[in-house]
Amino acid sequence: MLDIVRVETRSHIMFSFLSVGWGLISDIDIESERLRAIGGQRFTLWSVHRLISLRTYQGKVSYIPALVNPSHPYHRSNSLPRDGGGGGGHGGLGGAAGIGLKHSISYNTTLDCQDCRTADEENCDACDTNFSDVLSLETGSNLETFRPRIDSWYSATSRKSTYFSTQDSIYESDRASNEGTTVGTNQMYGPPSRLPALTAPVPDTWKSLAGEFVMVHAAYQTHLSTDCFFAPLSKLNDGIIWLLIIKAGASRAQLLSFMLGLGTGTHMPTQENEYIQMVPVTAFRIEPVGTTGHMTVDGEDVEYGPIQAEIFPSLARVMVPK
């Protein structure tokens, strides 16, 4: 089973399997396209260029920390524990090998399910529903359960606006309800969001950081590429997004060490670092200030602006030969 992340921008809804990025790595990925003729070395060259001409971005990052075992250090700090004593593993990541959700939950588990937050048993009865009963139209009637229809989705746009997936599928049922037309056959399937509308404030229960950032990158697989071991603790269906946050103030030496360590998974500092942290989360929102920069979803350039994402555990199935 494979976790899938539902991603919202102001005008698109996407389902992602790999990562969401803002800042340094996204800049390198997109801007190095002009050097594609030289092959994979383009990333190395552009990384050097971006480190020399380092950019920072003003904005705000908010997230919901992942539900973890109360006895685990993550439960207390919500940041990656450091291995200051030289233990095994990949640098600072080695000390957190046992991290996991309180119990394995399916994608239809709501983020505010009180039973999931308090249950000690392996499975939560409140969330043990049939797969076929839960998979529904994004625009189905059960959407009203999680947030009001139409206007609250993107309050910056009009009632008659339509919304598109990465394949430009139109949300026909919402358009029909607004315009009085017949619902067409081109409908967007997928689970409804359980987050506030993108234009609404995040709840007080979320954690938020505001200021200048070198990069924010969320990943839900171990590797971003064959030679980028980004999240060594990630599993295909652990229900966790690994949110890397690098704040302005990190030195070029620290960033160079970080970049060089990506190939082996030793990129995280081995000591507490006020500028670089990796946080396990279940949902996040990035709100950049300004209009210049790059945001990527699964390595592809997307609309620059507010973006939020939430994980749906075990939404997809990967089949491989035995």
C-alpha atoms as a PDB file:
ATOM      1  CA  MET A   1       0.000   0.000   0.000  1.00  0.00           C
ATOM      2  CA  LEU A   2       1.136   3.528  -0.824  1.00  0.00           C
ATOM      3  CA  ASP A   3       0.317   6.836   0.863  1.00  0.00           C
ATOM      4  CA  ILE A   4      -0.957   9.608  -1.405  1.00  0.00           C
ATOM      5  CA  VAL A   5      -0.900  13.317  -0.599  1.00  0.00           C
ATOM      6  CA  ARG A   6      -3.701  15.602  -1.720  1.00  0.00           C
ATOM      7  CA  VAL A   7      -2.277  19.000  -2.723  1.00  0.00           C
ATOM      8  CA  GLU A   8      -4.245  22.228  -3.189  1.00  0.00           C
ATOM      9  CA  THR A   9      -3.159  25.445  -4.833  1.00  0.00           C
ATOM     10  CA  ARG A  10      -5.439  28.386  -5.534  1.00  0.00           C
ATOM     11  CA  SER A  11      -6.675  26.849  -8.784  1.00  0.00           C
ATOM     12  CA  HIS A  12      -5.654  23.185  -8.868  1.00  0.00           C
ATOM     13  CA  ILE A  13      -6.045  19.987  -6.887  1.00  0.00           C
ATOM     14  CA  MET A  14      -3.409  17.289  -7.331  1.00  0.00           C
ATOM     15  CA  PHE A  15      -2.665  13.873  -5.886  1.00  0.00           C
ATOM     16  CA  SER A  16       1.036  13.476  -5.207  1.00  0.00           C
ATOM     17  CA  PHE A  17       3.156  10.433  -4.414  1.00  0.00           C
ATOM     18  CA  LEU A  18       6.605  12.002  -3.918  1.00  0.00           C
ATOM     19  CA  SER A  19       7.115  15.551  -2.653  1.00  0.00           C
ATOM     20  CA  VAL A  20       6.119  19.200  -2.426  1.00  0.00           C
ATOM     21  CA  GLY A  21       8.863  21.827  -2.478  1.00  0.00           C
ATOM     22  CA  TRP A  22       9.493  25.547  -2.079  1.00  0.00           C
ATOM     23  CA  GLY A  23      12.862  27.250  -2.257  1.00  0.00           C
ATOM     24  CA  LEU A  24      16.361  25.892  -2.827  1.00  0.00           C
ATOM     25  CA  ILE A  25      15.738  22.347  -4.116  1.00  0.00           C
ATOM     26  CA  SER A  26      12.789  23.463  -6.252  1.00  0.00           C
ATOM     27  CA  ASP A  27      14.862  26.319  -7.689  1.00  0.00           C
ATOM     28  CA  ILE A  28      17.658  23.909  -8.603  1.00  0.00           C
ATOM     29  CA  ASP A  29      15.235  21.421 -10.126  1.00  0.00           C
ATOM     30  CA  ILE A  30      13.362  23.902 -12.312  1.00  0.00           C
ATOM     31  CA  GLU A  31      16.063  26.440 -13.206  1.00  0.00           C
ATOM     32  CA  SER A  32      18.618  23.788 -14.198  1.00  0.00           C
ATOM     33  CA  GLU A  33      16.347  22.743 -17.072  1.00  0.00           C
ATOM     34  CA  ARG A  34      18.338  25.142 -19.269  1.00  0.00           C
ATOM     35  CA  LEU A  35      21.324  22.802 -18.765  1.00  0.00           C
ATOM     36  CA  ARG A  36      19.443  19.585 -19.527  1.00  0.00           C
ATOM     37  CA  ALA A  37      21.767  18.822 -22.458  1.00  0.00           C
ATOM     38  CA  ILE A  38      24.620  17.999 -20.069  1.00  0.00           C
ATOM     39  CA  GLY A  39      22.617  15.340 -18.219  1.00  0.00           C
ATOM     40  CA  GLY A  40      22.518  14.792 -14.483  1.00  0.00           C
ATOM     41  CA  GLN A  41      25.498  17.067 -13.900  1.00  0.00           C
ATOM     42  CA  ARG A  42      23.140  20.002 -14.366  1.00  0.00           C
ATOM     43  CA  PHE A  43      21.905  19.550 -10.794  1.00  0.00           C
ATOM     44  CA  THR A  44      25.440  19.709  -9.389  1.00  0.00           C
ATOM     45  CA  LEU A  45      26.336  22.817 -11.365  1.00  0.00           C
ATOM     46  CA  TRP A  46      23.134  24.627 -10.514  1.00  0.00           C
ATOM     47  CA  SER A  47      23.432  23.651  -6.857  1.00  0.00           C
ATOM     48  CA  VAL A  48      26.809  25.412  -6.726  1.00  0.00           C
ATOM     49  CA  HIS A  49      25.323  28.417  -8.509  1.00  0.00           C
ATOM     50  CA  ARG A  50      22.383  28.646  -6.111  1.00  0.00           C
ATOM     51  CA  LEU A  51      24.615  28.267  -3.052  1.00  0.00           C
ATOM     52  CA  ILE A  52      26.802  31.148  -4.250  1.00  0.00           C
ATOM     53  CA  SER A  53      23.765  33.290  -5.128  1.00  0.00           C
ATOM     54  CA  LEU A  54      21.681  32.158  -2.173  1.00  0.00           C
ATOM     55  CA  ARG A  55      18.057  33.234  -2.046  1.00  0.00           C
ATOM     56  CA  THR A  56      15.707  33.440   0.898  1.00  0.00           C
ATOM     57  CA  TYR A  57      11.926  33.609   0.809  1.00  0.00           C
ATOM     58  CA  GLN A  58       9.568  35.385   3.169  1.00  0.00           C
ATOM     59  CA  GLY A  59       6.481  33.503   4.257  1.00  0.00           C
ATOM     60  CA  LYS A  60       4.742  31.284   6.765  1.00  0.00           C
ATOM     61  CA  VAL A  61       4.784  27.522   7.240  1.00  0.00           C
ATOM     62  CA  SER A  62       2.069  25.777   9.271  1.00  0.00           C
ATOM     63  CA  TYR A  63       1.660  22.081   9.978  1.00  0.00           C
ATOM     64  CA  ILE A  64      -0.074  19.372  11.999  1.00  0.00           C
ATOM     65  CA  PRO A  65       2.503  17.251  13.834  1.00  0.00           C
ATOM     66  CA  ALA A  66       2.155  13.523  13.193  1.00  0.00           C
ATOM     67  CA  LEU A  67       0.530  11.436  15.908  1.00  0.00           C
ATOM     68  CA  VAL A  68       3.349   9.474  17.486  1.00  0.00           C
ATOM     69  CA  ASN A  69       3.792   7.148  20.424  1.00  0.00           C
ATOM     70  CA  PRO A  70       3.659   9.199  23.654  1.00  0.00           C
ATOM     71  CA  SER A  71       6.875   7.564  24.903  1.00  0.00           C
ATOM     72  CA  HIS A  72       8.822   8.626  21.818  1.00  0.00           C
ATOM     73  CA  PRO A  73      10.934  11.831  21.867  1.00  0.00           C
ATOM     74  CA  TYR A  74       8.957  13.142  18.890  1.00  0.00           C
ATOM     75  CA  HIS A  75       5.899  13.375  21.098  1.00  0.00           C
ATOM     76  CA  ARG A  76       7.639  15.931  23.287  1.00  0.00           C
ATOM     77  CA  SER A  77       9.669  17.947  20.803  1.00  0.00           C
ATOM     78  CA  ASN A  78       7.910  17.590  17.436  1.00  0.00           C
ATOM     79  CA  SER A  79      11.327  17.994  15.870  1.00  0.00           C
ATOM     80  CA  LEU A  80      13.914  15.483  14.829  1.00  0.00           C
ATOM     81  CA  PRO A  81      15.891  14.126  17.811  1.00  0.00           C
ATOM     82  CA  ARG A  82      19.613  14.448  17.344  1.00  0.00           C
ATOM     83  CA  ASP A  83      22.170  11.721  17.898  1.00  0.00           C
ATOM     84  CA  GLY A  84      24.775  13.709  19.773  1.00  0.00           C
ATOM     85  CA  GLY A  85      26.500  10.617  21.155  1.00  0.00           C
ATOM     86  CA  GLY A  86      27.741   9.248  17.835  1.00  0.00           C
ATOM     87  CA  GLY A  87      25.246   6.371  17.653  1.00  0.00           C
ATOM     88  CA  GLY A  88      24.437   4.373  14.550  1.00  0.00           C
ATOM     89  CA  GLY A  89      22.232   5.332  11.668  1.00  0.00           C
ATOM     90  CA  HIS A  90      22.329   8.173   9.186  1.00  0.00           C
ATOM     91  CA  GLY A  91      23.694  11.095  11.182  1.00  0.00           C
ATOM     92  CA  GLY A  92      20.968  12.741  13.233  1.00  0.00           C
ATOM     93  CA  LEU A  93      18.368  10.391  11.791  1.00  0.00           C
ATOM     94  CA  GLY A  94      19.746   7.321  13.473  1.00  0.00           C
ATOM     95  CA  GLY A  95      18.192   7.963  16.864  1.00  0.00           C
ATOM     96  CA  ALA A  96      14.611   7.974  15.573  1.00  0.00           C
ATOM     97  CA  ALA A  97      14.370   4.563  13.976  1.00  0.00           C
ATOM     98  CA  GLY A  98      11.329   3.568  16.012  1.00  0.00           C
ATOM     99  CA  ILE A  99       9.044   6.439  15.050  1.00  0.00           C
ATOM    100  CA  GLY A 100       5.531   5.567  13.947  1.00  0.00           C
ATOM    101  CA  LEU A 101       1.884   6.468  14.290  1.00  0.00           C
ATOM    102  CA  LYS A 102       0.021   5.219  17.360  1.00  0.00           C
ATOM    103  CA  HIS A 103      -1.574   2.652  15.110  1.00  0.00           C
ATOM    104  CA  SER A 104      -1.774   2.035  11.397  1.00  0.00           C
ATOM    105  CA  ILE A 105      -4.799   3.817   9.943  1.00  0.00           C
ATOM    106  CA  SER A 106      -6.388   3.844   6.527  1.00  0.00           C
ATOM    107  CA  TYR A 107      -6.681   6.917   4.344  1.00  0.00           C
ATOM    108  CA  ASN A 108     -10.297   7.549   5.314  1.00  0.00           C
ATOM    109  CA  THR A 109      -9.336   8.315   8.920  1.00  0.00           C
ATOM    110  CA  THR A 110     -10.278  11.905   9.697  1.00  0.00           C
ATOM    111  CA  LEU A 111      -7.584  14.167  11.079  1.00  0.00           C
ATOM    112  CA  ASP A 112      -9.754  15.022  14.068  1.00  0.00           C
ATOM    113  CA  CYS A 113     -10.848  11.490  14.972  1.00  0.00           C
ATOM    114  CA  GLN A 114     -10.722  11.473  18.761  1.00  0.00           C
ATOM    115  CA  ASP A 115     -10.696   7.677  18.862  1.00  0.00           C
ATOM    116  CA  CYS A 116      -7.485   7.626  16.805  1.00  0.00           C
ATOM    117  CA  ARG A 117      -5.857  10.127  19.126  1.00  0.00           C
ATOM    118  CA  THR A 118      -6.668   8.151  22.273  1.00  0.00           C
ATOM    119  CA  ALA A 119      -6.944   4.504  21.246  1.00  0.00           C
ATOM    120  CA  ASP A 120      -4.258   2.192  22.571  1.00  0.00           C
ATOM    121  CA  GLU A 121      -5.243  -0.799  20.489  1.00  0.00           C
ATOM    122  CA  GLU A 122      -3.838  -1.588  17.054  1.00  0.00           C
ATOM    123  CA  ASN A 123      -6.880  -0.388  15.116  1.00  0.00           C
ATOM    124  CA  CYS A 124      -9.501   2.261  15.677  1.00  0.00           C
ATOM    125  CA  ASP A 125     -13.063   0.933  15.408  1.00  0.00           C
ATOM    126  CA  ALA A 126     -14.364   4.405  14.585  1.00  0.00           C
ATOM    127  CA  CYS A 127     -12.256   4.433  11.428  1.00  0.00           C
ATOM    128  CA  ASP A 128     -12.769   0.798  10.429  1.00  0.00           C
ATOM    129  CA  THR A 129     -15.077   1.471   7.483  1.00  0.00           C
ATOM    130  CA  ASN A 130     -15.417  -0.290   4.185  1.00  0.00           C
ATOM    131  CA  PHE A 131     -13.099   0.966   1.427  1.00  0.00           C
ATOM    132  CA  SER A 132     -15.842   1.055  -1.185  1.00  0.00           C
ATOM    133  CA  ASP A 133     -18.094   3.118   1.086  1.00  0.00           C
ATOM    134  CA  VAL A 134     -15.443   5.768   1.665  1.00  0.00           C
ATOM    135  CA  LEU A 135     -13.992   6.373  -1.807  1.00  0.00           C
ATOM    136  CA  SER A 136     -16.234   9.101  -3.125  1.00  0.00           C
ATOM    137  CA  LEU A 137     -16.447  12.025  -5.493  1.00  0.00           C
ATOM    138  CA  GLU A 138     -14.424  15.031  -4.401  1.00  0.00           C
ATOM    139  CA  THR A 139     -17.598  16.989  -5.000  1.00  0.00           C
ATOM    140  CA  GLY A 140     -19.948  14.427  -3.436  1.00  0.00           C
ATOM    141  CA  SER A 141     -22.476  15.245  -0.759  1.00  0.00           C
ATOM    142  CA  ASN A 142     -20.173  14.065   2.024  1.00  0.00           C
ATOM    143  CA  LEU A 143     -17.956  17.055   1.285  1.00  0.00           C
ATOM    144  CA  GLU A 144     -20.396  19.136   3.315  1.00  0.00           C
ATOM    145  CA  THR A 145     -19.414  17.108   6.363  1.00  0.00           C
ATOM    146  CA  PHE A 146     -15.895  18.514   6.287  1.00  0.00           C
ATOM    147  CA  ARG A 147     -16.339  22.060   5.020  1.00  0.00           C
ATOM    148  CA  PRO A 148     -19.087  24.160   3.433  1.00  0.00           C
ATOM    149  CA  ARG A 149     -19.480  23.799  -0.311  1.00  0.00           C
ATOM    150  CA  ILE A 150     -18.606  26.203  -3.090  1.00  0.00           C
ATOM    151  CA  ASP A 151     -17.854  29.571  -1.501  1.00  0.00           C
ATOM    152  CA  SER A 152     -15.502  28.335   1.234  1.00  0.00           C
ATOM    153  CA  TRP A 153     -13.330  26.369  -1.180  1.00  0.00           C
ATOM    154  CA  TYR A 154     -11.553  29.331  -2.705  1.00  0.00           C
ATOM    155  CA  SER A 155     -13.084  32.494  -1.348  1.00  0.00           C
ATOM    156  CA  ALA A 156     -10.755  34.564  -3.512  1.00  0.00           C
ATOM    157  CA  THR A 157     -12.667  33.383  -6.574  1.00  0.00           C
ATOM    158  CA  SER A 158     -16.271  33.753  -7.650  1.00  0.00           C
ATOM    159  CA  ARG A 159     -19.143  31.318  -7.144  1.00  0.00           C
ATOM    160  CA  LYS A 160     -19.052  30.400 -10.825  1.00  0.00           C
ATOM    161  CA  SER A 161     -15.370  29.473 -10.797  1.00  0.00           C
ATOM    162  CA  THR A 162     -14.446  25.919 -11.645  1.00  0.00           C
ATOM    163  CA  TYR A 163     -11.508  24.000 -10.310  1.00  0.00           C
ATOM    164  CA  PHE A 164      -9.134  21.712 -12.088  1.00  0.00           C
ATOM    165  CA  SER A 165      -6.927  18.723 -11.318  1.00  0.00           C
ATOM    166  CA  THR A 166      -3.484  18.308 -12.893  1.00  0.00           C
ATOM    167  CA  GLN A 167      -5.266  16.600 -15.776  1.00  0.00           C
ATOM    168  CA  ASP A 168      -7.601  19.635 -16.084  1.00  0.00           C
ATOM    169  CA  SER A 169     -10.622  17.620 -14.958  1.00  0.00           C
ATOM    170  CA  ILE A 170     -13.507  19.974 -14.195  1.00  0.00           C
ATOM    171  CA  TYR A 171     -15.513  19.702 -11.007  1.00  0.00           C
ATOM    172  CA  GLU A 172     -18.733  19.400 -12.965  1.00  0.00           C
ATOM    173  CA  SER A 173     -21.087  18.820 -10.053  1.00  0.00           C
ATOM    174  CA  ASP A 174     -20.085  22.071  -8.332  1.00  0.00           C
ATOM    175  CA  ARG A 175     -20.372  23.993 -11.574  1.00  0.00           C
ATOM    176  CA  ALA A 176     -23.773  22.472 -12.211  1.00  0.00           C
ATOM    177  CA  SER A 177     -25.038  23.406  -8.756  1.00  0.00           C
ATOM    178  CA  ASN A 178     -23.982  27.009  -9.402  1.00  0.00           C
ATOM    179  CA  GLU A 179     -25.164  27.397 -12.961  1.00  0.00           C
ATOM    180  CA  GLY A 180     -28.195  25.092 -13.015  1.00  0.00           C
ATOM    181  CA  THR A 181     -26.734  22.915 -15.765  1.00  0.00           C
ATOM    182  CA  THR A 182     -26.738  19.159 -16.123  1.00  0.00           C
ATOM    183  CA  VAL A 183     -23.891  17.325 -14.472  1.00  0.00           C
ATOM    184  CA  GLY A 184     -21.474  15.984 -17.063  1.00  0.00           C
ATOM    185  CA  THR A 185     -19.451  12.797 -17.089  1.00  0.00           C
ATOM    186  CA  ASN A 186     -16.069  14.468 -16.546  1.00  0.00           C
ATOM    187  CA  GLN A 187     -15.868  14.268 -12.756  1.00  0.00           C
ATOM    188  CA  MET A 188     -12.933  14.300 -10.378  1.00  0.00           C
ATOM    189  CA  TYR A 189     -12.683  11.261  -8.117  1.00  0.00           C
ATOM    190  CA  GLY A 190     -10.868  11.148  -4.823  1.00  0.00           C
ATOM    191  CA  PRO A 191     -11.342  11.603  -1.080  1.00  0.00           C
ATOM    192  CA  PRO A 192     -12.538  15.021   0.106  1.00  0.00           C
ATOM    193  CA  SER A 193     -10.216  17.326   1.999  1.00  0.00           C
ATOM    194  CA  ARG A 194     -10.378  17.482   5.766  1.00  0.00           C
ATOM    195  CA  LEU A 195      -8.458  20.748   6.019  1.00  0.00           C
ATOM    196  CA  PRO A 196      -9.775  24.313   6.217  1.00  0.00           C
ATOM    197  CA  ALA A 197     -10.237  26.094   2.912  1.00  0.00           C
ATOM    198  CA  LEU A 198      -6.955  27.409   1.535  1.00  0.00           C
ATOM    199  CA  THR A 199      -8.074  30.999   2.059  1.00  0.00           C
ATOM    200  CA  ALA A 200      -9.200  30.389   5.651  1.00  0.00           C
ATOM    201  CA  PRO A 201      -6.836  30.778   8.631  1.00  0.00           C
ATOM    202  CA  VAL A 202      -5.253  27.617   9.975  1.00  0.00           C
ATOM    203  CA  PRO A 203      -6.630  26.435  13.356  1.00  0.00           C
ATOM    204  CA  ASP A 204      -4.832  27.314  16.571  1.00  0.00           C
ATOM    205  CA  THR A 205      -3.998  23.638  17.034  1.00  0.00           C
ATOM    206  CA  TRP A 206      -1.547  23.830  14.097  1.00  0.00           C
ATOM    207  CA  LYS A 207       2.072  24.816  14.649  1.00  0.00           C
ATOM    208  CA  SER A 208       3.286  27.802  12.621  1.00  0.00           C
ATOM    209  CA  LEU A 209       6.613  29.396  11.724  1.00  0.00           C
ATOM    210  CA  ALA A 210       6.863  32.805  10.066  1.00  0.00           C
ATOM    211  CA  GLY A 211       9.933  34.534   8.705  1.00  0.00           C
ATOM    212  CA  GLU A 212      12.535  33.957   6.012  1.00  0.00           C
ATOM    213  CA  PHE A 213      13.286  30.495   4.642  1.00  0.00           C
ATOM    214  CA  VAL A 214      15.961  29.024   2.414  1.00  0.00           C
ATOM    215  CA  MET A 215      13.681  26.119   1.606  1.00  0.00           C
ATOM    216  CA  VAL A 216      10.768  24.020   2.750  1.00  0.00           C
ATOM    217  CA  HIS A 217      10.485  20.548   1.272  1.00  0.00           C
ATOM    218  CA  ALA A 218       7.977  17.841   2.156  1.00  0.00           C
ATOM    219  CA  ALA A 219       8.640  14.238   1.136  1.00  0.00           C
ATOM    220  CA  TYR A 220       6.814  10.959   1.713  1.00  0.00           C
ATOM    221  CA  GLN A 221       9.250   8.550   0.070  1.00  0.00           C
ATOM    222  CA  THR A 222      12.822   7.792   1.088  1.00  0.00           C
ATOM    223  CA  HIS A 223      14.309   9.042  -2.187  1.00  0.00           C
ATOM    224  CA  LEU A 224      13.582  12.094  -4.307  1.00  0.00           C
ATOM    225  CA  SER A 225      15.795  10.563  -7.000  1.00  0.00           C
ATOM    226  CA  THR A 226      18.115   7.582  -7.263  1.00  0.00           C
ATOM    227  CA  ASP A 227      20.918   9.576  -5.630  1.00  0.00           C
ATOM    228  CA  CYS A 228      18.903  11.719  -3.209  1.00  0.00           C
ATOM    229  CA  PHE A 229      18.256   9.812   0.038  1.00  0.00           C
ATOM    230  CA  PHE A 230      16.048  12.547   1.441  1.00  0.00           C
ATOM    231  CA  ALA A 231      13.943  10.863   4.157  1.00  0.00           C
ATOM    232  CA  PRO A 232      15.665   7.688   5.401  1.00  0.00           C
ATOM    233  CA  LEU A 233      12.897   6.922   7.924  1.00  0.00           C
ATOM    234  CA  SER A 234      10.043   7.135   5.441  1.00  0.00           C
ATOM    235  CA  LYS A 235       7.892   4.108   4.619  1.00  0.00           C
ATOM    236  CA  LEU A 236       5.511   3.612   1.713  1.00  0.00           C
ATOM    237  CA  ASN A 237       2.461   3.644   3.976  1.00  0.00           C
ATOM    238  CA  ASP A 238       3.419   5.094   7.352  1.00  0.00           C
ATOM    239  CA  GLY A 239       0.984   8.014   7.154  1.00  0.00           C
ATOM    240  CA  ILE A 240       3.783  10.557   7.639  1.00  0.00           C
ATOM    241  CA  ILE A 241       4.982  13.528   5.597  1.00  0.00           C
ATOM    242  CA  TRP A 242       8.594  14.426   6.380  1.00  0.00           C
ATOM    243  CA  LEU A 243       8.707  18.225   6.379  1.00  0.00           C
ATOM    244  CA  LEU A 244      12.197  19.709   6.042  1.00  0.00           C
ATOM    245  CA  ILE A 245      12.465  23.356   7.058  1.00  0.00           C
ATOM    246  CA  ILE A 246      15.648  25.380   6.547  1.00  0.00           C
ATOM    247  CA  LYS A 247      15.361  28.910   7.867  1.00  0.00           C
ATOM    248  CA  ALA A 248      17.354  31.923   6.752  1.00  0.00           C
ATOM    249  CA  GLY A 249      20.526  32.241   8.775  1.00  0.00           C
ATOM    250  CA  ALA A 250      21.945  28.831   7.903  1.00  0.00           C
ATOM    251  CA  SER A 251      25.510  29.332   6.673  1.00  0.00           C
ATOM    252  CA  ARG A 252      26.671  28.319   3.218  1.00  0.00           C
ATOM    253  CA  ALA A 253      28.953  25.771   4.884  1.00  0.00           C
ATOM    254  CA  GLN A 254      25.946  24.198   6.608  1.00  0.00           C
ATOM    255  CA  LEU A 255      23.992  24.183   3.357  1.00  0.00           C
ATOM    256  CA  LEU A 256      26.917  22.670   1.448  1.00  0.00           C
ATOM    257  CA  SER A 257      27.206  19.925   4.077  1.00  0.00           C
ATOM    258  CA  PHE A 258      23.472  19.367   3.770  1.00  0.00           C
ATOM    259  CA  MET A 259      23.595  19.081  -0.026  1.00  0.00           C
ATOM    260  CA  LEU A 260      26.595  16.731   0.020  1.00  0.00           C
ATOM    261  CA  GLY A 261      24.885  14.467   2.551  1.00  0.00           C
ATOM    262  CA  LEU A 262      21.736  13.978   0.470  1.00  0.00           C
ATOM    263  CA  GLY A 263      23.335  11.130  -1.468  1.00  0.00           C
ATOM    264  CA  THR A 264      23.835   8.990   1.633  1.00  0.00           C
ATOM    265  CA  GLY A 265      21.099  10.225   3.950  1.00  0.00           C
ATOM    266  CA  THR A 266      23.574  11.979   6.266  1.00  0.00           C
ATOM    267  CA  HIS A 267      22.361  15.473   5.452  1.00  0.00           C
ATOM    268  CA  MET A 268      20.704  16.263   8.797  1.00  0.00           C
ATOM    269  CA  PRO A 269      22.946  17.877  11.430  1.00  0.00           C
ATOM    270  CA  THR A 270      24.068  15.531  14.198  1.00  0.00           C
ATOM    271  CA  GLN A 271      23.543  18.244  16.814  1.00  0.00           C
ATOM    272  CA  GLU A 272      20.589  20.504  17.552  1.00  0.00           C
ATOM    273  CA  ASN A 273      20.388  23.143  14.841  1.00  0.00           C
ATOM    274  CA  GLU A 274      18.158  26.196  15.051  1.00  0.00           C
ATOM    275  CA  TYR A 275      18.091  26.610  11.279  1.00  0.00           C
ATOM    276  CA  ILE A 276      17.572  23.065   9.950  1.00  0.00           C
ATOM    277  CA  GLN A 277      14.897  20.690  11.164  1.00  0.00           C
ATOM    278  CA  MET A 278      12.928  17.716   9.883  1.00  0.00           C
ATOM    279  CA  VAL A 279       9.413  17.369  11.302  1.00  0.00           C
ATOM    280  CA  PRO A 280       6.991  14.430  10.879  1.00  0.00           C
ATOM    281  CA  VAL A 281       3.568  15.865   9.979  1.00  0.00           C
ATOM    282  CA  THR A 282       0.230  14.793   8.539  1.00  0.00           C
ATOM    283  CA  ALA A 283      -0.655  18.082   6.833  1.00  0.00           C
ATOM    284  CA  PHE A 284       0.964  21.434   6.113  1.00  0.00           C
ATOM    285  CA  ARG A 285       0.415  24.802   4.483  1.00  0.00           C
ATOM    286  CA  ILE A 286       2.991  27.108   2.888  1.00  0.00           C
ATOM    287  CA  GLU A 287       2.058  30.770   2.431  1.00  0.00           C
ATOM    288  CA  PRO A 288       4.790  32.685   0.574  1.00  0.00           C
ATOM    289  CA  VAL A 289       5.014  36.468   0.538  1.00  0.00           C
ATOM    290  CA  GLY A 290       5.619  37.831  -2.930  1.00  0.00           C
ATOM    291  CA  THR A 291       5.144  36.399  -6.403  1.00  0.00           C
ATOM    292  CA  THR A 292       8.639  35.306  -7.400  1.00  0.00           C
ATOM    293  CA  GLY A 293       9.934  31.811  -6.843  1.00  0.00           C
ATOM    294  CA  HIS A 294       9.293  28.169  -7.619  1.00  0.00           C
ATOM    295  CA  MET A 295       6.996  25.615  -6.084  1.00  0.00           C
ATOM    296  CA  THR A 296       7.063  22.015  -7.208  1.00  0.00           C
ATOM    297  CA  VAL A 297       4.858  18.969  -6.824  1.00  0.00           C
ATOM    298  CA  ASP A 298       6.565  15.686  -7.672  1.00  0.00           C
ATOM    299  CA  GLY A 299       9.319  17.687  -9.356  1.00  0.00           C
ATOM    300  CA  GLU A 300       7.007  19.691 -11.625  1.00  0.00           C
ATOM    301  CA  ASP A 301       6.618  23.471 -11.476  1.00  0.00           C
ATOM    302  CA  VAL A 302       3.181  24.534 -10.187  1.00  0.00           C
ATOM    303  CA  GLU A 303       1.406  27.799  -9.501  1.00  0.00           C
ATOM    304  CA  TYR A 304       3.373  29.980  -7.090  1.00  0.00           C
ATOM    305  CA  GLY A 305       1.356  31.002  -4.064  1.00  0.00           C
ATOM    306  CA  PRO A 306      -0.393  29.454  -1.083  1.00  0.00           C
ATOM    307  CA  ILE A 307      -0.311  25.660  -1.113  1.00  0.00           C
ATOM    308  CA  GLN A 308      -1.476  23.065   1.366  1.00  0.00           C
ATOM    309  CA  ALA A 309      -1.321  19.296   1.510  1.00  0.00           C
ATOM    310  CA  GLU A 310      -2.588  16.398   3.595  1.00  0.00           C
ATOM    311  CA  ILE A 311      -1.684  12.725   3.590  1.00  0.00           C
ATOM    312  CA  PHE A 312      -4.133   9.882   2.943  1.00  0.00           C
ATOM    313  CA  PRO A 313      -2.506   6.666   4.193  1.00  0.00           C
ATOM    314  CA  SER A 314      -2.735   3.586   1.960  1.00  0.00           C
ATOM    315  CA  LEU A 315      -4.823   5.301  -0.707  1.00  0.00           C
ATOM    316  CA  ALA A 316      -2.991   3.568  -3.557  1.00  0.00           C
ATOM    317  CA  ARG A 317      -1.646   0.091  -4.177  1.00  0.00           C
ATOM    318  CA  VAL A 318       1.697  -0.693  -5.769  1.00  0.00           C
ATOM    319  CA  MET A 319       1.956  -4.044  -7.569  1.00  0.00           C
ATOM    320  CA  VAL A 320       5.327  -5.634  -8.290  1.00  0.00           C
ATOM    321  CA  PRO A 321       6.356  -9.104  -9.535  1.00  0.00           C
ATOM    322  CA  LYS A 322       7.333 -11.603  -6.834  1.00  0.00           C
END
